[in-house]
Amino acid sequence: MSYNEAITSEHYEKWLEAMLSELESMEANKVWELVELQQGMKPIGCKWVFKTKRDLKGNIDRHKARLVAKGFTQQ
């Protein structure tokens, strides 16, 4: 599922809540910090990965969102 699919789905509020939770977790754990990009450097991109967690009966248990770096673009 892409970002556009998540925010236009009928469960967009749940996906938004999951994304905010991920950002809060990253901030609390000091995973990254915002810095100025040095001249001649290119930023590493990122993307959202969405997953629906289900219980044993197949019902939606929760919506999970992860923000991942596109490390493969690094040289």
PDB file of N, CA and C in Angstrom:
ATOM      1  N   MET A   1       0.846  -1.175   0.000  1.00  0.00           N
ATOM      2  CA  MET A   1       0.000   0.000   0.000  1.00  0.00           C
ATOM      3  C   MET A   1       0.893   1.241   0.000  1.00  0.00           C
ATOM      4  N   SER A   2       0.573   2.168  -0.839  1.00  0.00           N
ATOM      5  CA  SER A   2       1.353   3.404  -0.927  1.00  0.00           C
ATOM      6  C   SER A   2       0.768   4.472   0.007  1.00  0.00           C
ATOM      7  N   TYR A   3       1.518   5.562   0.145  1.00  0.00           N
ATOM      8  CA  TYR A   3       1.064   6.679   0.970  1.00  0.00           C
ATOM      9  C   TYR A   3      -0.266   7.216   0.434  1.00  0.00           C
ATOM     10  N   ASN A   4      -0.349   7.410  -0.877  1.00  0.00           N
ATOM     11  CA  ASN A   4      -1.580   7.944  -1.469  1.00  0.00           C
ATOM     12  C   ASN A   4      -2.763   7.011  -1.249  1.00  0.00           C
ATOM     13  N   GLU A   5      -2.535   5.715  -1.345  1.00  0.00           N
ATOM     14  CA  GLU A   5      -3.614   4.757  -1.098  1.00  0.00           C
ATOM     15  C   GLU A   5      -4.057   4.808   0.361  1.00  0.00           C
ATOM     16  N   ALA A   6      -3.101   4.960   1.261  1.00  0.00           N
ATOM     17  CA  ALA A   6      -3.429   4.988   2.694  1.00  0.00           C
ATOM     18  C   ALA A   6      -4.263   6.211   3.053  1.00  0.00           C
ATOM     19  N   ILE A   7      -3.873   7.379   2.552  1.00  0.00           N
ATOM     20  CA  ILE A   7      -4.595   8.590   2.954  1.00  0.00           C
ATOM     21  C   ILE A   7      -5.914   8.777   2.212  1.00  0.00           C
ATOM     22  N   THR A   8      -6.125   8.015   1.152  1.00  0.00           N
ATOM     23  CA  THR A   8      -7.405   8.111   0.450  1.00  0.00           C
ATOM     24  C   THR A   8      -8.321   6.927   0.763  1.00  0.00           C
ATOM     25  N   SER A   9      -7.856   6.002   1.612  1.00  0.00           N
ATOM     26  CA  SER A   9      -8.676   4.841   1.952  1.00  0.00           C
ATOM     27  C   SER A   9      -9.735   5.222   2.984  1.00  0.00           C
ATOM     28  N   GLU A  10     -10.657   4.316   3.209  1.00  0.00           N
ATOM     29  CA  GLU A  10     -11.713   4.569   4.196  1.00  0.00           C
ATOM     30  C   GLU A  10     -11.160   4.553   5.620  1.00  0.00           C
ATOM     31  N   HIS A  11      -9.957   3.995   5.811  1.00  0.00           N
ATOM     32  CA  HIS A  11      -9.323   3.933   7.129  1.00  0.00           C
ATOM     33  C   HIS A  11      -8.232   4.982   7.282  1.00  0.00           C
ATOM     34  N   TYR A  12      -8.339   6.085   6.549  1.00  0.00           N
ATOM     35  CA  TYR A  12      -7.262   7.078   6.552  1.00  0.00           C
ATOM     36  C   TYR A  12      -6.972   7.623   7.950  1.00  0.00           C
ATOM     37  N   GLU A  13      -7.983   7.724   8.803  1.00  0.00           N
ATOM     38  CA  GLU A  13      -7.757   8.226  10.166  1.00  0.00           C
ATOM     39  C   GLU A  13      -6.865   7.273  10.952  1.00  0.00           C
ATOM     40  N   LYS A  14      -7.067   5.970  10.763  1.00  0.00           N
ATOM     41  CA  LYS A  14      -6.238   4.963  11.438  1.00  0.00           C
ATOM     42  C   LYS A  14      -4.809   5.019  10.915  1.00  0.00           C
ATOM     43  N   TRP A  15      -4.654   5.190   9.584  1.00  0.00           N
ATOM     44  CA  TRP A  15      -3.303   5.279   9.008  1.00  0.00           C
ATOM     45  C   TRP A  15      -2.599   6.550   9.481  1.00  0.00           C
ATOM     46  N   LEU A  16      -3.316   7.645   9.556  1.00  0.00           N
ATOM     47  CA  LEU A  16      -2.738   8.900  10.040  1.00  0.00           C
ATOM     48  C   LEU A  16      -2.283   8.756  11.487  1.00  0.00           C
ATOM     49  N   GLU A  17      -3.106   8.116  12.296  1.00  0.00           N
ATOM     50  CA  GLU A  17      -2.762   7.863  13.695  1.00  0.00           C
ATOM     51  C   GLU A  17      -1.503   6.992  13.789  1.00  0.00           C
ATOM     52  N   ALA A  18      -1.400   5.973  12.936  1.00  0.00           N
ATOM     53  CA  ALA A  18      -0.224   5.097  12.930  1.00  0.00           C
ATOM     54  C   ALA A  18       1.024   5.860  12.506  1.00  0.00           C
ATOM     55  N   MET A  19       0.897   6.764  11.533  1.00  0.00           N
ATOM     56  CA  MET A  19       2.037   7.554  11.078  1.00  0.00           C
ATOM     57  C   MET A  19       2.504   8.513  12.171  1.00  0.00           C
ATOM     58  N   LEU A  20       1.578   9.161  12.840  1.00  0.00           N
ATOM     59  CA  LEU A  20       1.931  10.074  13.931  1.00  0.00           C
ATOM     60  C   LEU A  20       2.598   9.317  15.081  1.00  0.00           C
ATOM     61  N   SER A  21       2.103   8.122  15.357  1.00  0.00           N
ATOM     62  CA  SER A  21       2.694   7.294  16.400  1.00  0.00           C
ATOM     63  C   SER A  21       4.134   6.930  16.041  1.00  0.00           C
ATOM     64  N   GLU A  22       4.390   6.600  14.783  1.00  0.00           N
ATOM     65  CA  GLU A  22       5.742   6.276  14.329  1.00  0.00           C
ATOM     66  C   GLU A  22       6.667   7.480  14.472  1.00  0.00           C
ATOM     67  N   LEU A  23       6.211   8.653  14.083  1.00  0.00           N
ATOM     68  CA  LEU A  23       7.031   9.858  14.195  1.00  0.00           C
ATOM     69  C   LEU A  23       7.328  10.199  15.653  1.00  0.00           C
ATOM     70  N   GLU A  24       6.339  10.040  16.522  1.00  0.00           N
ATOM     71  CA  GLU A  24       6.542  10.295  17.944  1.00  0.00           C
ATOM     72  C   GLU A  24       7.553   9.312  18.529  1.00  0.00           C
ATOM     73  N   SER A  25       7.460   8.055  18.108  1.00  0.00           N
ATOM     74  CA  SER A  25       8.388   7.036  18.579  1.00  0.00           C
ATOM     75  C   SER A  25       9.810   7.344  18.122  1.00  0.00           C
ATOM     76  N   MET A  26       9.953   7.762  16.880  1.00  0.00           N
ATOM     77  CA  MET A  26      11.274   8.098  16.357  1.00  0.00           C
ATOM     78  C   MET A  26      11.872   9.292  17.102  1.00  0.00           C
ATOM     79  N   GLU A  27      11.042  10.261  17.422  1.00  0.00           N
ATOM     80  CA  GLU A  27      11.516  11.446  18.151  1.00  0.00           C
ATOM     81  C   GLU A  27      11.904  11.074  19.580  1.00  0.00           C
ATOM     82  N   ALA A  28      11.081  10.266  20.226  1.00  0.00           N
ATOM     83  CA  ALA A  28      11.348   9.867  21.608  1.00  0.00           C
ATOM     84  C   ALA A  28      12.626   9.041  21.715  1.00  0.00           C
ATOM     85  N   ASN A  29      12.904   8.227  20.711  1.00  0.00           N
ATOM     86  CA  ASN A  29      14.093   7.370  20.721  1.00  0.00           C
ATOM     87  C   ASN A  29      15.308   8.036  20.082  1.00  0.00           C
ATOM     88  N   LYS A  30      15.145   9.295  19.694  1.00  0.00           N
ATOM     89  CA  LYS A  30      16.236  10.071  19.078  1.00  0.00           C
ATOM     90  C   LYS A  30      16.895   9.311  17.931  1.00  0.00           C
ATOM     91  N   VAL A  31      16.047   8.819  17.028  1.00  0.00           N
ATOM     92  CA  VAL A  31      16.511   8.026  15.887  1.00  0.00           C
ATOM     93  C   VAL A  31      17.240   8.893  14.869  1.00  0.00           C
ATOM     94  N   TRP A  32      16.806  10.121  14.711  1.00  0.00           N
ATOM     95  CA  TRP A  32      17.432  11.019  13.741  1.00  0.00           C
ATOM     96  C   TRP A  32      17.288  12.446  14.213  1.00  0.00           C
ATOM     97  N   GLU A  33      18.056  13.294  13.598  1.00  0.00           N
ATOM     98  CA  GLU A  33      17.927  14.721  13.872  1.00  0.00           C
ATOM     99  C   GLU A  33      18.030  15.475  12.551  1.00  0.00           C
ATOM    100  N   LEU A  34      17.373  16.581  12.489  1.00  0.00           N
ATOM    101  CA  LEU A  34      17.361  17.406  11.295  1.00  0.00           C
ATOM    102  C   LEU A  34      18.630  18.255  11.264  1.00  0.00           C
ATOM    103  N   VAL A  35      19.376  18.160  10.166  1.00  0.00           N
ATOM    104  CA  VAL A  35      20.607  18.934  10.007  1.00  0.00           C
ATOM    105  C   VAL A  35      20.599  19.610   8.642  1.00  0.00           C
ATOM    106  N   GLU A  36      21.433  20.625   8.507  1.00  0.00           N
ATOM    107  CA  GLU A  36      21.559  21.294   7.217  1.00  0.00           C
ATOM    108  C   GLU A  36      22.355  20.410   6.271  1.00  0.00           C
ATOM    109  N   LEU A  37      21.913  20.355   5.043  1.00  0.00           N
ATOM    110  CA  LEU A  37      22.588  19.549   4.036  1.00  0.00           C
ATOM    111  C   LEU A  37      23.807  20.296   3.527  1.00  0.00           C
ATOM    112  N   GLN A  38      24.961  19.654   3.598  1.00  0.00           N
ATOM    113  CA  GLN A  38      26.192  20.281   3.134  1.00  0.00           C
ATOM    114  C   GLN A  38      26.189  20.387   1.618  1.00  0.00           C
ATOM    115  N   GLN A  39      26.889  21.373   1.120  1.00  0.00           N
ATOM    116  CA  GLN A  39      26.938  21.596  -0.318  1.00  0.00           C
ATOM    117  C   GLN A  39      27.569  20.382  -1.006  1.00  0.00           C
ATOM    118  N   GLY A  40      26.977  19.973  -2.107  1.00  0.00           N
ATOM    119  CA  GLY A  40      27.467  18.833  -2.872  1.00  0.00           C
ATOM    120  C   GLY A  40      26.929  17.495  -2.404  1.00  0.00           C
ATOM    121  N   MET A  41      26.205  17.464  -1.291  1.00  0.00           N
ATOM    122  CA  MET A  41      25.635  16.229  -0.761  1.00  0.00           C
ATOM    123  C   MET A  41      24.189  16.080  -1.223  1.00  0.00           C
ATOM    124  N   LYS A  42      23.748  14.844  -1.363  1.00  0.00           N
ATOM    125  CA  LYS A  42      22.364  14.567  -1.718  1.00  0.00           C
ATOM    126  C   LYS A  42      21.690  13.883  -0.532  1.00  0.00           C
ATOM    127  N   PRO A  43      20.458  14.256  -0.244  1.00  0.00           N
ATOM    128  CA  PRO A  43      19.766  13.630   0.892  1.00  0.00           C
ATOM    129  C   PRO A  43      19.362  12.198   0.552  1.00  0.00           C
ATOM    130  N   ILE A  44      19.269  11.382   1.587  1.00  0.00           N
ATOM    131  CA  ILE A  44      18.751  10.021   1.424  1.00  0.00           C
ATOM    132  C   ILE A  44      17.240  10.112   1.585  1.00  0.00           C
ATOM    133  N   GLY A  45      16.510   9.603   0.628  1.00  0.00           N
ATOM    134  CA  GLY A  45      15.054   9.660   0.671  1.00  0.00           C
ATOM    135  C   GLY A  45      14.467   8.666   1.667  1.00  0.00           C
ATOM    136  N   CYS A  46      13.184   8.760   1.853  1.00  0.00           N
ATOM    137  CA  CYS A  46      12.488   7.826   2.733  1.00  0.00           C
ATOM    138  C   CYS A  46      11.108   7.547   2.151  1.00  0.00           C
ATOM    139  N   LYS A  47      10.479   6.507   2.677  1.00  0.00           N
ATOM    140  CA  LYS A  47       9.115   6.191   2.245  1.00  0.00           C
ATOM    141  C   LYS A  47       8.370   5.531   3.385  1.00  0.00           C
ATOM    142  N   TRP A  48       7.052   5.597   3.311  1.00  0.00           N
ATOM    143  CA  TRP A  48       6.198   4.974   4.309  1.00  0.00           C
ATOM    144  C   TRP A  48       5.880   3.548   3.867  1.00  0.00           C
ATOM    145  N   VAL A  49       5.897   2.632   4.838  1.00  0.00           N
ATOM    146  CA  VAL A  49       5.492   1.244   4.610  1.00  0.00           C
ATOM    147  C   VAL A  49       4.316   0.982   5.538  1.00  0.00           C
ATOM    148  N   PHE A  50       3.223   0.518   4.976  1.00  0.00           N
ATOM    149  CA  PHE A  50       1.994   0.304   5.746  1.00  0.00           C
ATOM    150  C   PHE A  50       1.667  -1.177   5.825  1.00  0.00           C
ATOM    151  N   LYS A  51       1.195  -1.608   6.998  1.00  0.00           N
ATOM    152  CA  LYS A  51       0.807  -2.997   7.172  1.00  0.00           C
ATOM    153  C   LYS A  51      -0.394  -3.064   8.099  1.00  0.00           C
ATOM    154  N   THR A  52      -1.337  -3.911   7.748  1.00  0.00           N
ATOM    155  CA  THR A  52      -2.510  -4.127   8.585  1.00  0.00           C
ATOM    156  C   THR A  52      -2.270  -5.381   9.409  1.00  0.00           C
ATOM    157  N   LYS A  53      -2.288  -5.249  10.716  1.00  0.00           N
ATOM    158  CA  LYS A  53      -2.113  -6.388  11.618  1.00  0.00           C
ATOM    159  C   LYS A  53      -3.490  -6.974  11.904  1.00  0.00           C
ATOM    160  N   ARG A  54      -3.576  -8.291  11.844  1.00  0.00           N
ATOM    161  CA  ARG A  54      -4.857  -8.971  12.065  1.00  0.00           C
ATOM    162  C   ARG A  54      -4.756  -9.939  13.238  1.00  0.00           C
ATOM    163  N   ASP A  55      -5.913 -10.201  13.887  1.00  0.00           N
ATOM    164  CA  ASP A  55      -5.942 -11.165  14.980  1.00  0.00           C
ATOM    165  C   ASP A  55      -6.122 -12.571  14.412  1.00  0.00           C
ATOM    166  N   LEU A  56      -6.263 -13.558  15.276  1.00  0.00           N
ATOM    167  CA  LEU A  56      -6.371 -14.950  14.830  1.00  0.00           C
ATOM    168  C   LEU A  56      -7.620 -15.218  13.985  1.00  0.00           C
ATOM    169  N   LYS A  57      -8.652 -14.414  14.166  1.00  0.00           N
ATOM    170  CA  LYS A  57      -9.890 -14.597  13.404  1.00  0.00           C
ATOM    171  C   LYS A  57      -9.877 -13.842  12.083  1.00  0.00           C
ATOM    172  N   GLY A  58      -8.807 -13.082  11.821  1.00  0.00           N
ATOM    173  CA  GLY A  58      -8.701 -12.340  10.570  1.00  0.00           C
ATOM    174  C   GLY A  58      -9.247 -10.930  10.648  1.00  0.00           C
ATOM    175  N   ASN A  59      -9.688 -10.513  11.816  1.00  0.00           N
ATOM    176  CA  ASN A  59     -10.192  -9.153  11.998  1.00  0.00           C
ATOM    177  C   ASN A  59      -9.015  -8.191  12.123  1.00  0.00           C
ATOM    178  N   ILE A  60      -9.208  -6.966  11.678  1.00  0.00           N
ATOM    179  CA  ILE A  60      -8.149  -5.968  11.783  1.00  0.00           C
ATOM    180  C   ILE A  60      -7.889  -5.662  13.254  1.00  0.00           C
ATOM    181  N   ASP A  61      -6.647  -5.887  13.669  1.00  0.00           N
ATOM    182  CA  ASP A  61      -6.242  -5.638  15.049  1.00  0.00           C
ATOM    183  C   ASP A  61      -5.701  -4.217  15.192  1.00  0.00           C
ATOM    184  N   ARG A  62      -4.836  -3.814  14.235  1.00  0.00           N
ATOM    185  CA  ARG A  62      -4.317  -2.455  14.238  1.00  0.00           C
ATOM    186  C   ARG A  62      -3.673  -2.131  12.911  1.00  0.00           C
ATOM    187  N   HIS A  63      -3.451  -0.848  12.699  1.00  0.00           N
ATOM    188  CA  HIS A  63      -2.784  -0.358  11.496  1.00  0.00           C
ATOM    189  C   HIS A  63      -1.373   0.059  11.904  1.00  0.00           C
ATOM    190  N   LYS A  64      -0.386  -0.390  11.144  1.00  0.00           N
ATOM    191  CA  LYS A  64       1.002  -0.103  11.483  1.00  0.00           C
ATOM    192  C   LYS A  64       1.662   0.629  10.324  1.00  0.00           C
ATOM    193  N   ALA A  65       2.399   1.691  10.637  1.00  0.00           N
ATOM    194  CA  ALA A  65       3.108   2.473   9.626  1.00  0.00           C
ATOM    195  C   ALA A  65       4.564   2.600  10.059  1.00  0.00           C
ATOM    196  N   ARG A  66       5.466   2.430   9.105  1.00  0.00           N
ATOM    197  CA  ARG A  66       6.891   2.586   9.363  1.00  0.00           C
ATOM    198  C   ARG A  66       7.479   3.549   8.348  1.00  0.00           C
ATOM    199  N   LEU A  67       8.344   4.425   8.804  1.00  0.00           N
ATOM    200  CA  LEU A  67       9.060   5.327   7.925  1.00  0.00           C
ATOM    201  C   LEU A  67      10.465   4.750   7.752  1.00  0.00           C
ATOM    202  N   VAL A  68      10.799   4.384   6.524  1.00  0.00           N
ATOM    203  CA  VAL A  68      12.082   3.732   6.258  1.00  0.00           C
ATOM    204  C   VAL A  68      12.925   4.575   5.311  1.00  0.00           C
ATOM    205  N   ALA A  69      14.229   4.518   5.533  1.00  0.00           N
ATOM    206  CA  ALA A  69      15.165   5.239   4.670  1.00  0.00           C
ATOM    207  C   ALA A  69      15.443   4.405   3.424  1.00  0.00           C
ATOM    208  N   LYS A  70      15.631   5.085   2.321  1.00  0.00           N
ATOM    209  CA  LYS A  70      15.995   4.414   1.071  1.00  0.00           C
ATOM    210  C   LYS A  70      17.519   4.355   0.994  1.00  0.00           C
ATOM    211  N   GLY A  71      18.098   3.507   1.845  1.00  0.00           N
ATOM    212  CA  GLY A  71      19.541   3.409   1.959  1.00  0.00           C
ATOM    213  C   GLY A  71      20.223   2.931   0.691  1.00  0.00           C
ATOM    214  N   PHE A  72      19.482   2.259  -0.180  1.00  0.00           N
ATOM    215  CA  PHE A  72      20.063   1.746  -1.415  1.00  0.00           C
ATOM    216  C   PHE A  72      20.491   2.873  -2.360  1.00  0.00           C
ATOM    217  N   THR A  73      20.042   4.100  -2.112  1.00  0.00           N
ATOM    218  CA  THR A  73      20.422   5.230  -2.956  1.00  0.00           C
ATOM    219  C   THR A  73      21.751   5.839  -2.525  1.00  0.00           C
ATOM    220  N   GLN A  74      22.265   5.345  -1.404  1.00  0.00           N
ATOM    221  CA  GLN A  74      23.513   5.873  -0.832  1.00  0.00           C
ATOM    222  C   GLN A  74      24.715   5.345  -1.602  1.00  0.00           C
ATOM    223  N   GLN A  75      25.709   6.209  -1.811  1.00  0.00           N
ATOM    224  CA  GLN A  75      26.940   5.774  -2.491  1.00  0.00           C
ATOM    225  C   GLN A  75      28.123   5.864  -1.552  1.00  0.00           C
TER     226      GLN A  75
END
